[in-house]
Amino acid sequence: MPSDAAADLVSHARSTRVVVIGGGIAGLVAALECAKVGMPVTLLEASGRLGGLASSAELDGRIVDTVADGFRAAPGALADLVDELGLAGDVVAARPADTWVAGPHGVAPLPRDSIFGIPANPFDDRTRRIIGWPGAWRAYLDRLRPPLTIGKTQSLAALVGARLGARVVDRMVAPLTYGIHGVAPEVVDVDSAVRGLNTALTRTGSLTGAVAQQLPDAEAPPSRATLRGGMSTLVTALVAKLADLDVDVRTNAPARALTRVGDGWSVSVDVDDVAPADGTGGAEPQPGEIAARAVIVATPEVPARRLLAPHLGGLDGAPFSPPDVDVVTLVLDTPALDAHPRGHAVYAAPGEAPALAVVHATATWPHDPAEPHIVRVTLPASREADAAVTASAIAAASTLLGVDLGTPLAAYRCRVPRALPASALMPARDDARTAVRRTSSLGVVGAWIGGNGLVRVVSDAAAESERVRSALLWGRGAEDALD
């Protein structure tokens, strides 16, 4: 590129302000992607905290992850981000641990040779414990079915139910889809959730054979990892990087509305009045306006819809994300948990157990044996007071872990918005993303539109930000920027 053209591009970047609405991981990544090419960026976060689901709290004198405590270890945008932030040396692999499921059978571990709850051997002792002999013999029929429609089923529940029977769906697969994602297996796309399974099914002639062929190698590294010091380390590093790039980060600054102004946008944001000198408190927050050439919305679904609905069709209906949940983090001095008899997590389908999920964090990540145990309990969202919800969480975790947890050293409750996995069969979400991409100066990122999980959130935020910034810098249309 000629020096004059390069100088013009730098000048153009520096005069092209982007406003990012939402300070979760998706918003922080979007702000970074725009700021590192020289664009001035303003990031608005409605609450007083950054990081979204990668949040933490000080409990019993230690910083504890309160929602997300790890990520899928795989090459890609998240691994690149961790390296860019200088955190590659702080990646810590998960310890080997079982996953348990709760249902009519009680609480039992999934077979080690399984994928997404689908067993490779219906007569494995663990499989039989969950589905019983009737379920095992029904699943065995999978080996005898003719390969007439193999490799074509889209719904996970339809595929597993047809091949292995309802007990495998209800007792082994559904607890994972509900407990982890809050959705029924009927709306999970096979090819997205378990890549290569349909192909292996075509090749082997049976679903159990396909699972056996897709199992990870015994020497494969752990599939999950975290960061030394917890996931708040990632948030701290991102915020520091944004400060280095002079990003204007504003907390307690909820965006009220977006207004189209020429070929750009105006963002209406609440601005707190300065408290009077007499200390009587400030007046009600007043709206301010921020002009921008582009806006990237990185909030959960409900506030995102409110901002986007006046400009995009199809967003004035009911949300498609699963209902919110309460997550209660417990710090426990419970020696009986030292053997972690229930592995790293217990998942349950709604109605089959007193909680949707119980994650035993100290059974998953390396820790000092002298340290207390950390357990996180996911419950349906409640309007009850913190004390009542915490009591329900302790009772539920005691039942699902098979240990009387007693009184916690500390507890923390937070309300968490859930989002569909990328593998969910949700045409309305696909339509929303398509509608957004018709406007080159508007981007939408976050788990609700791109799929949940930290790997997916970071990858989608990086890709969507690249689309927006390419259109701004190079003058290309939104469709061209996707190429």
Protein backbone atom coordinates (compact mmCIF):
# COMPACT_ATOMS: atom_id res chain seq x y z
CA MET A 1 0.00 0.00 0.00
CA PRO A 2 1.45 3.43 -0.93
CA SER A 3 2.42 5.56 2.07
CA ASP A 4 -0.17 8.23 1.24
CA ALA A 5 -2.95 5.62 1.09
CA ALA A 6 -1.78 4.12 4.37
CA ALA A 7 -1.79 7.54 6.00
CA ASP A 8 -5.29 8.22 4.69
CA LEU A 9 -6.47 4.86 6.07
CA VAL A 10 -4.99 5.60 9.50
CA SER A 11 -6.58 9.05 9.48
CA HIS A 12 -9.91 7.54 8.44
CA ALA A 13 -9.73 4.94 11.23
CA ARG A 14 -8.97 7.59 13.84
CA SER A 15 -12.02 9.62 12.83
CA THR A 16 -14.41 6.63 12.78
CA ARG A 17 -15.96 6.27 16.23
CA VAL A 18 -17.58 2.99 17.22
CA VAL A 19 -19.89 2.61 20.20
CA VAL A 20 -20.10 -0.84 21.80
CA ILE A 21 -23.13 -1.37 24.02
CA GLY A 22 -22.50 -4.04 26.64
CA GLY A 23 -19.41 -4.86 28.68
CA GLY A 24 -19.51 -8.64 28.80
CA ILE A 25 -16.83 -10.73 27.11
CA ALA A 26 -18.45 -10.22 23.69
CA GLY A 27 -18.50 -6.44 24.13
CA LEU A 28 -14.93 -6.30 25.44
CA VAL A 29 -13.69 -8.36 22.48
CA ALA A 30 -15.65 -6.22 20.00
CA ALA A 31 -14.18 -3.06 21.50
CA LEU A 32 -10.67 -4.52 21.31
CA GLU A 33 -11.04 -5.58 17.68
CA CYS A 34 -12.08 -2.08 16.65
CA ALA A 35 -9.65 -0.17 18.88
CA LYS A 36 -6.55 -2.07 17.81
CA VAL A 37 -6.89 -0.79 14.23
CA GLY A 38 -6.97 2.79 15.51
CA MET A 39 -10.70 3.44 15.77
CA PRO A 40 -11.86 5.51 18.75
CA VAL A 41 -14.22 3.31 20.77
CA THR A 42 -16.71 4.07 23.52
CA LEU A 43 -17.95 1.07 25.51
CA LEU A 44 -21.15 1.43 27.54
CA GLU A 45 -22.01 -1.01 30.32
CA ALA A 46 -25.34 -0.67 32.11
CA SER A 47 -24.13 -2.20 35.38
CA GLY A 48 -21.17 -1.31 37.54
CA ARG A 49 -19.18 -4.41 36.52
CA LEU A 50 -17.50 -5.64 33.36
CA GLY A 51 -17.13 -9.21 32.18
CA GLY A 52 -20.69 -10.50 32.03
CA LEU A 53 -20.79 -14.24 32.71
CA ALA A 54 -17.03 -14.28 33.35
CA SER A 55 -17.82 -12.67 36.68
CA SER A 56 -16.31 -13.22 40.10
CA ALA A 57 -16.87 -12.26 43.72
CA GLU A 58 -14.78 -12.15 46.86
CA LEU A 59 -16.08 -14.94 49.09
CA ASP A 60 -14.50 -15.94 52.37
CA GLY A 61 -11.40 -13.93 51.49
CA ARG A 62 -10.81 -15.36 48.00
CA ILE A 63 -11.83 -14.42 44.46
CA VAL A 64 -14.24 -17.04 43.14
CA ASP A 65 -15.77 -17.47 39.67
CA THR A 66 -19.53 -17.16 40.06
CA VAL A 67 -20.82 -18.32 36.64
CA ALA A 68 -18.36 -19.40 33.94
CA ASP A 69 -15.24 -21.03 35.34
CA GLY A 70 -13.61 -22.48 32.22
CA PHE A 71 -13.70 -22.93 28.48
CA ARG A 72 -13.30 -25.55 25.78
CA ALA A 73 -9.62 -26.00 25.03
CA ALA A 74 -9.30 -25.72 21.25
CA PRO A 75 -7.41 -23.69 18.65
CA GLY A 76 -9.22 -20.60 17.43
CA ALA A 77 -10.16 -17.05 18.36
CA LEU A 78 -10.23 -17.62 22.13
CA ALA A 79 -6.82 -19.32 22.15
CA ASP A 80 -5.47 -16.45 20.03
CA LEU A 81 -6.98 -13.90 22.42
CA VAL A 82 -5.48 -15.60 25.47
CA ASP A 83 -2.10 -15.55 23.74
CA GLU A 84 -2.49 -11.90 22.65
CA LEU A 85 -3.23 -10.90 26.25
CA GLY A 86 -0.14 -12.71 27.52
CA LEU A 87 -2.14 -15.34 29.41
CA ALA A 88 -1.08 -18.48 27.54
CA GLY A 89 1.20 -19.46 30.41
CA ASP A 90 -1.73 -19.24 32.84
CA VAL A 91 -3.92 -21.83 31.10
CA VAL A 92 -4.68 -24.73 33.45
CA ALA A 93 -6.14 -28.02 32.21
CA ALA A 94 -9.12 -29.65 33.88
CA ARG A 95 -8.64 -32.72 36.04
CA PRO A 96 -10.21 -36.00 34.87
CA ALA A 97 -13.66 -36.31 36.41
CA ASP A 98 -16.97 -37.97 35.64
CA THR A 99 -20.22 -36.27 34.69
CA TRP A 100 -23.32 -37.48 36.52
CA VAL A 101 -27.00 -37.25 35.59
CA ALA A 102 -30.11 -37.20 37.75
CA GLY A 103 -33.45 -38.71 36.79
CA PRO A 104 -35.86 -41.56 37.57
CA HIS A 105 -32.86 -43.81 38.10
CA GLY A 106 -31.53 -41.57 40.87
CA VAL A 107 -28.10 -40.00 40.44
CA ALA A 108 -25.50 -41.91 38.43
CA PRO A 109 -22.34 -41.30 36.38
CA LEU A 110 -22.50 -41.30 32.59
CA PRO A 111 -20.42 -44.00 30.90
CA ARG A 112 -16.94 -42.80 30.08
CA ASP A 113 -17.37 -44.04 26.51
CA SER A 114 -20.15 -41.64 25.56
CA ILE A 115 -20.60 -38.40 23.64
CA PHE A 116 -23.26 -35.87 24.67
CA GLY A 117 -24.76 -38.64 26.80
CA ILE A 118 -25.02 -41.09 23.87
CA PRO A 119 -23.38 -44.40 24.91
CA ALA A 120 -21.00 -46.43 22.78
CA ASN A 121 -22.08 -49.64 24.54
CA PRO A 122 -25.70 -50.09 25.74
CA PHE A 123 -24.60 -52.90 28.09
CA ASP A 124 -21.93 -50.87 29.86
CA ASP A 125 -22.57 -51.13 33.62
CA ARG A 126 -23.03 -47.36 33.92
CA THR A 127 -25.43 -47.25 30.97
CA ARG A 128 -27.54 -50.07 32.42
CA ARG A 129 -27.64 -48.36 35.80
CA ILE A 130 -29.26 -45.34 34.14
CA ILE A 131 -31.61 -46.92 31.58
CA GLY A 132 -32.08 -50.39 33.08
CA TRP A 133 -32.14 -53.68 31.24
CA PRO A 134 -35.26 -52.76 29.17
CA GLY A 135 -33.51 -49.60 27.98
CA ALA A 136 -30.28 -51.46 27.25
CA TRP A 137 -32.00 -54.10 25.11
CA ARG A 138 -33.95 -51.37 23.27
CA ALA A 139 -30.70 -49.51 22.58
CA TYR A 140 -29.09 -52.74 21.35
CA LEU A 141 -31.65 -52.82 18.51
CA ASP A 142 -29.65 -49.95 17.03
CA ARG A 143 -27.14 -52.56 15.83
CA LEU A 144 -29.91 -54.44 14.01
CA ARG A 145 -31.75 -51.60 12.31
CA PRO A 146 -31.43 -51.37 8.53
CA PRO A 147 -29.32 -48.41 7.30
CA LEU A 148 -32.09 -46.84 5.23
CA THR A 149 -32.08 -43.25 6.48
CA ILE A 150 -28.74 -43.13 8.23
CA GLY A 151 -26.89 -39.84 8.30
CA LYS A 152 -29.87 -37.62 7.49
CA THR A 153 -31.55 -36.88 10.84
CA GLN A 154 -31.19 -33.28 12.02
CA SER A 155 -32.74 -33.29 15.52
CA LEU A 156 -30.61 -34.87 18.25
CA ALA A 157 -33.67 -36.24 20.07
CA ALA A 158 -35.12 -37.67 16.86
CA LEU A 159 -31.87 -39.42 15.96
CA VAL A 160 -31.14 -40.85 19.42
CA GLY A 161 -34.78 -41.77 20.04
CA ALA A 162 -35.15 -43.62 16.74
CA ARG A 163 -31.87 -45.48 17.12
CA LEU A 164 -31.56 -46.07 20.87
CA GLY A 165 -34.95 -45.41 22.41
CA ALA A 166 -36.64 -42.89 24.69
CA ARG A 167 -34.77 -43.84 27.86
CA VAL A 168 -31.43 -42.84 26.39
CA VAL A 169 -32.92 -39.52 25.28
CA ASP A 170 -34.71 -38.75 28.53
CA ARG A 171 -32.16 -40.03 31.05
CA MET A 172 -28.79 -39.54 29.36
CA VAL A 173 -29.06 -36.82 26.69
CA ALA A 174 -31.78 -34.49 28.00
CA PRO A 175 -30.08 -33.83 31.37
CA LEU A 176 -27.10 -32.40 29.47
CA THR A 177 -29.06 -30.26 27.02
CA TYR A 178 -31.34 -28.93 29.78
CA GLY A 179 -28.74 -28.69 32.53
CA ILE A 180 -26.04 -27.06 30.42
CA HIS A 181 -28.03 -25.13 27.82
CA GLY A 182 -31.62 -24.95 29.10
CA VAL A 183 -33.08 -26.48 25.92
CA ALA A 184 -34.74 -29.74 24.92
CA PRO A 185 -32.75 -32.21 22.80
CA GLU A 186 -35.49 -31.92 20.17
CA VAL A 187 -34.16 -28.49 19.13
CA VAL A 188 -30.45 -29.43 19.04
CA ASP A 189 -28.92 -29.94 15.60
CA VAL A 190 -26.90 -33.16 15.42
CA ASP A 191 -24.26 -31.94 12.99
CA SER A 192 -23.56 -28.79 15.02
CA ALA A 193 -23.62 -30.41 18.46
CA VAL A 194 -21.59 -33.53 17.61
CA ARG A 195 -19.64 -32.84 14.44
CA GLY A 196 -19.03 -35.89 12.30
CA LEU A 197 -21.57 -38.10 14.09
CA ASN A 198 -23.96 -38.41 11.13
CA THR A 199 -21.03 -39.19 8.84
CA ALA A 200 -19.73 -41.84 11.24
CA LEU A 201 -23.26 -43.24 11.51
CA THR A 202 -23.38 -43.66 7.76
CA ARG A 203 -19.98 -45.32 7.83
CA THR A 204 -20.58 -47.73 10.73
CA GLY A 205 -24.29 -48.48 10.32
CA SER A 206 -25.21 -47.87 13.98
CA LEU A 207 -25.32 -44.90 16.34
CA THR A 208 -23.44 -46.70 19.12
CA GLY A 209 -20.78 -47.69 16.59
CA ALA A 210 -20.55 -44.09 15.40
CA VAL A 211 -20.06 -42.87 18.99
CA ALA A 212 -17.34 -45.47 19.54
CA GLN A 213 -15.58 -44.25 16.41
CA GLN A 214 -15.84 -40.59 17.46
CA LEU A 215 -14.51 -41.02 21.00
CA PRO A 216 -11.39 -38.96 21.74
CA ASP A 217 -8.07 -40.74 21.78
CA ALA A 218 -6.98 -41.92 25.22
CA GLU A 219 -3.87 -39.74 24.89
CA ALA A 220 -5.82 -36.63 23.89
CA PRO A 221 -5.29 -33.58 26.13
CA PRO A 222 -8.13 -32.45 28.43
CA SER A 223 -10.96 -30.81 26.53
CA ARG A 224 -11.54 -28.06 29.12
CA ALA A 225 -9.28 -25.48 30.70
CA THR A 226 -9.37 -22.41 32.91
CA LEU A 227 -6.98 -19.60 33.81
CA ARG A 228 -4.83 -19.51 36.90
CA GLY A 229 -6.59 -17.12 39.24
CA GLY A 230 -9.97 -17.72 37.61
CA MET A 231 -11.79 -16.36 34.58
CA SER A 232 -11.80 -12.84 36.01
CA THR A 233 -8.13 -12.85 34.95
CA LEU A 234 -9.33 -12.70 31.34
CA VAL A 235 -11.60 -9.76 32.12
CA THR A 236 -8.84 -7.89 33.92
CA ALA A 237 -6.44 -8.40 31.02
CA LEU A 238 -9.02 -7.29 28.45
CA VAL A 239 -9.86 -4.13 30.41
CA ALA A 240 -6.16 -3.30 30.77
CA LYS A 241 -5.66 -3.78 27.03
CA LEU A 242 -8.58 -1.46 26.28
CA ALA A 243 -7.07 1.15 28.58
CA ASP A 244 -3.77 0.90 26.69
CA LEU A 245 -5.72 1.58 23.48
CA ASP A 246 -7.52 4.59 25.02
CA VAL A 247 -10.97 3.01 24.83
CA ASP A 248 -13.54 5.12 26.65
CA VAL A 249 -15.09 2.57 29.03
CA ARG A 250 -18.17 3.75 30.91
CA THR A 251 -19.92 1.65 33.55
CA ASN A 252 -23.34 2.43 35.05
CA ALA A 253 -24.17 3.87 31.63
CA PRO A 254 -27.25 2.12 30.19
CA ALA A 255 -28.06 2.87 26.56
CA ARG A 256 -31.64 4.00 26.12
CA ALA A 257 -32.04 4.02 22.37
CA LEU A 258 -30.38 4.02 18.95
CA THR A 259 -31.26 6.65 16.37
CA ARG A 260 -30.23 6.61 12.71
CA VAL A 261 -28.52 9.91 11.81
CA GLY A 262 -27.41 10.15 8.19
CA ASP A 263 -24.93 7.37 7.55
CA GLY A 264 -24.20 6.97 11.27
CA TRP A 265 -25.92 6.60 14.63
CA SER A 266 -26.74 8.49 17.79
CA VAL A 267 -26.75 6.52 21.03
CA SER A 268 -28.89 7.87 23.85
CA VAL A 269 -27.32 7.00 27.19
CA ASP A 270 -28.21 7.80 30.79
CA VAL A 271 -25.77 10.22 32.40
CA ASP A 272 -25.73 10.63 36.18
CA ASP A 273 -25.97 14.21 37.42
CA VAL A 274 -23.25 15.41 39.76
CA ALA A 275 -24.34 15.34 43.41
CA PRO A 276 -25.00 18.79 44.91
CA ALA A 277 -22.45 20.19 47.33
CA ASP A 278 -24.88 19.80 50.25
CA GLY A 279 -24.70 16.02 49.82
CA THR A 280 -28.45 15.58 49.34
CA GLY A 281 -27.91 13.42 46.26
CA GLY A 282 -28.16 14.01 42.54
CA ALA A 283 -31.23 14.34 40.37
CA GLU A 284 -32.53 11.55 38.14
CA PRO A 285 -30.08 10.44 35.41
CA GLN A 286 -30.42 12.52 32.27
CA PRO A 287 -30.03 11.31 28.70
CA GLY A 288 -26.88 12.14 26.75
CA GLU A 289 -26.12 11.54 23.11
CA ILE A 290 -23.04 9.90 21.61
CA ALA A 291 -22.49 10.15 17.86
CA ALA A 292 -20.97 7.12 16.14
CA ARG A 293 -20.28 5.85 12.66
CA ALA A 294 -21.09 2.33 13.79
CA VAL A 295 -22.69 0.60 16.76
CA ILE A 296 -22.10 -2.93 18.03
CA VAL A 297 -24.77 -4.20 20.41
CA ALA A 298 -23.34 -6.71 22.89
CA THR A 299 -26.07 -7.00 25.52
CA PRO A 300 -28.26 -10.00 26.42
CA GLU A 301 -31.29 -10.63 24.25
CA VAL A 302 -33.99 -8.56 25.99
CA PRO A 303 -32.13 -5.21 26.06
CA ALA A 304 -30.69 -5.93 22.61
CA ARG A 305 -34.18 -6.39 21.17
CA ARG A 306 -35.32 -3.13 22.74
CA LEU A 307 -32.51 -1.24 21.04
CA LEU A 308 -32.73 -3.03 17.69
CA ALA A 309 -36.47 -3.51 17.16
CA PRO A 310 -37.07 0.03 15.77
CA HIS A 311 -34.48 -0.64 13.05
CA LEU A 312 -34.89 -4.36 12.26
CA GLY A 313 -37.98 -6.40 11.55
CA GLY A 314 -38.97 -9.47 13.52
CA LEU A 315 -37.51 -8.45 16.88
CA ASP A 316 -40.67 -7.23 18.58
CA GLY A 317 -41.88 -10.73 19.52
CA ALA A 318 -41.09 -13.03 22.43
CA PRO A 319 -37.43 -13.81 23.19
CA PHE A 320 -36.15 -17.16 22.00
CA SER A 321 -33.48 -17.56 24.67
CA PRO A 322 -34.19 -20.02 27.53
CA PRO A 323 -35.49 -18.56 30.81
CA ASP A 324 -33.06 -16.91 33.21
CA VAL A 325 -31.63 -18.95 36.06
CA ASP A 326 -30.27 -18.30 39.52
CA VAL A 327 -26.70 -19.45 40.12
CA VAL A 328 -25.65 -19.82 43.75
CA THR A 329 -21.95 -20.20 44.52
CA LEU A 330 -21.16 -21.95 47.81
CA VAL A 331 -17.83 -21.96 49.64
CA LEU A 332 -17.84 -25.07 51.83
CA ASP A 333 -15.78 -26.58 54.62
CA THR A 334 -17.10 -30.08 53.95
CA PRO A 335 -14.41 -32.79 54.29
CA ALA A 336 -16.80 -35.44 52.97
CA LEU A 337 -16.48 -33.81 49.53
CA ASP A 338 -12.74 -34.46 49.40
CA ALA A 339 -13.32 -37.67 47.45
CA HIS A 340 -15.76 -35.77 45.14
CA PRO A 341 -17.96 -38.87 44.71
CA ARG A 342 -20.15 -37.20 42.11
CA GLY A 343 -17.45 -36.03 39.69
CA HIS A 344 -17.24 -32.52 38.33
CA ALA A 345 -20.99 -31.96 37.77
CA VAL A 346 -24.47 -33.40 38.10
CA TYR A 347 -27.03 -32.39 35.47
CA ALA A 348 -30.78 -32.98 35.57
CA ALA A 349 -33.76 -32.44 33.31
CA PRO A 350 -36.41 -30.09 34.77
CA GLY A 351 -38.73 -31.80 37.20
CA GLU A 352 -36.37 -34.71 37.85
CA ALA A 353 -34.28 -33.06 40.58
CA PRO A 354 -34.32 -30.00 42.86
CA ALA A 355 -31.74 -28.18 40.71
CA LEU A 356 -30.87 -28.01 37.02
CA ALA A 357 -27.16 -28.46 37.66
CA VAL A 358 -24.59 -28.74 40.44
CA VAL A 359 -20.99 -28.07 39.43
CA HIS A 360 -18.25 -29.13 41.85
CA ALA A 361 -15.54 -26.70 40.76
CA THR A 362 -12.85 -28.02 43.09
CA ALA A 363 -13.29 -31.49 41.60
CA THR A 364 -12.64 -30.05 38.15
CA TRP A 365 -9.69 -27.71 38.63
CA PRO A 366 -6.39 -28.25 40.47
CA HIS A 367 -6.52 -26.79 43.96
CA ASP A 368 -4.79 -26.89 47.31
CA PRO A 369 -6.34 -29.69 49.45
CA ALA A 370 -6.37 -27.27 52.39
CA GLU A 371 -8.67 -24.90 50.50
CA PRO A 372 -12.46 -25.11 50.94
CA HIS A 373 -14.69 -26.61 48.27
CA ILE A 374 -16.44 -24.46 45.67
CA VAL A 375 -19.84 -25.66 44.43
CA ARG A 376 -22.17 -23.81 42.05
CA VAL A 377 -25.86 -24.63 41.92
CA THR A 378 -28.13 -23.65 39.01
CA LEU A 379 -31.81 -23.25 39.85
CA PRO A 380 -34.83 -21.88 37.98
CA ALA A 381 -34.98 -18.12 38.52
CA SER A 382 -36.90 -17.16 41.65
CA ARG A 383 -38.28 -13.98 43.16
CA GLU A 384 -37.47 -15.20 46.66
CA ALA A 385 -34.89 -13.46 48.83
CA ASP A 386 -31.23 -14.45 48.66
CA ALA A 387 -31.38 -16.38 51.94
CA ALA A 388 -34.26 -18.57 50.75
CA VAL A 389 -32.65 -19.27 47.36
CA THR A 390 -29.34 -20.08 49.04
CA ALA A 391 -31.10 -22.51 51.38
CA SER A 392 -32.73 -24.19 48.38
CA ALA A 393 -29.35 -24.42 46.65
CA ILE A 394 -27.70 -26.05 49.67
CA ALA A 395 -30.51 -28.60 49.97
CA ALA A 396 -30.43 -29.37 46.23
CA ALA A 397 -26.65 -29.73 46.13
CA SER A 398 -26.69 -31.97 49.21
CA THR A 399 -29.18 -34.25 47.49
CA LEU A 400 -27.42 -34.39 44.13
CA LEU A 401 -23.90 -34.71 45.56
CA GLY A 402 -24.97 -37.25 48.17
CA VAL A 403 -23.29 -35.28 50.99
CA ASP A 404 -24.75 -33.08 53.74
CA LEU A 405 -23.08 -29.79 52.92
CA GLY A 406 -23.96 -28.09 56.18
CA THR A 407 -23.65 -24.32 56.53
CA PRO A 408 -21.45 -22.64 53.89
CA LEU A 409 -18.56 -20.39 54.78
CA ALA A 410 -19.93 -17.97 52.18
CA ALA A 411 -22.57 -17.86 49.48
CA TYR A 412 -23.29 -15.65 46.49
CA ARG A 413 -26.40 -15.55 44.32
CA CYS A 414 -26.68 -13.99 40.87
CA ARG A 415 -29.32 -13.93 38.16
CA VAL A 416 -27.97 -15.24 34.86
CA PRO A 417 -29.51 -14.78 31.39
CA ARG A 418 -29.25 -18.01 29.42
CA ALA A 419 -28.66 -18.27 25.69
CA LEU A 420 -29.17 -20.97 23.10
CA PRO A 421 -26.20 -23.03 21.98
CA ALA A 422 -24.98 -22.46 18.45
CA SER A 423 -26.32 -25.94 17.66
CA ALA A 424 -29.94 -24.98 18.45
CA LEU A 425 -32.42 -25.27 15.60
CA MET A 426 -33.75 -21.70 15.81
CA PRO A 427 -34.61 -20.11 12.43
CA ALA A 428 -35.71 -16.89 14.17
CA ARG A 429 -32.18 -16.37 15.47
CA ASP A 430 -30.74 -16.99 12.02
CA ASP A 431 -33.19 -14.48 10.56
CA ALA A 432 -32.16 -11.88 13.16
CA ARG A 433 -28.48 -12.28 12.30
CA THR A 434 -29.27 -12.00 8.57
CA ALA A 435 -31.29 -8.81 9.17
CA VAL A 436 -28.43 -7.25 11.15
CA ARG A 437 -25.90 -7.95 8.44
CA ARG A 438 -27.87 -5.94 5.91
CA THR A 439 -26.62 -2.82 7.69
CA SER A 440 -22.85 -2.46 7.45
CA SER A 441 -22.63 0.03 10.33
CA LEU A 442 -24.54 -2.13 12.80
CA GLY A 443 -23.28 -5.26 14.52
CA VAL A 444 -24.76 -7.58 17.13
CA VAL A 445 -22.65 -9.93 19.22
CA GLY A 446 -23.18 -12.05 22.30
CA ALA A 447 -24.33 -15.52 23.22
CA TRP A 448 -28.02 -14.88 22.44
CA ILE A 449 -27.37 -14.40 18.73
CA GLY A 450 -24.07 -16.20 18.16
CA GLY A 451 -24.40 -19.18 20.49
CA ASN A 452 -23.29 -19.75 24.06
CA GLY A 453 -19.95 -20.91 25.43
CA LEU A 454 -16.88 -18.73 25.75
CA VAL A 455 -15.16 -20.14 22.66
CA ARG A 456 -18.19 -19.42 20.51
CA VAL A 457 -18.81 -15.96 22.03
CA VAL A 458 -15.23 -14.79 21.39
CA SER A 459 -15.11 -16.24 17.88
CA ASP A 460 -18.43 -14.67 16.89
CA ALA A 461 -17.56 -11.30 18.44
CA ALA A 462 -14.25 -11.20 16.56
CA ALA A 463 -15.88 -12.13 13.24
CA GLU A 464 -18.78 -9.69 13.56
CA SER A 465 -16.45 -6.86 14.59
CA GLU A 466 -14.27 -7.57 11.57
CA ARG A 467 -17.33 -7.32 9.32
CA VAL A 468 -18.26 -3.91 10.74
CA ARG A 469 -14.76 -2.44 10.79
CA SER A 470 -13.97 -3.69 7.27
CA ALA A 471 -17.09 -2.02 5.94
CA LEU A 472 -16.12 1.23 7.67
CA LEU A 473 -12.46 1.25 6.69
CA TRP A 474 -12.66 -0.06 3.16
CA GLY A 475 -16.05 1.31 2.16
CA ARG A 476 -17.41 -2.09 1.28
CA GLY A 477 -21.00 -3.14 1.70
CA ALA A 478 -22.02 -5.49 4.49
CA GLU A 479 -22.21 -8.48 2.17
CA ASP A 480 -18.77 -7.85 0.72
CA ALA A 481 -17.31 -7.53 4.22
CA LEU A 482 -18.42 -11.08 4.97
CA ASP A 483 -16.28 -12.57 2.19
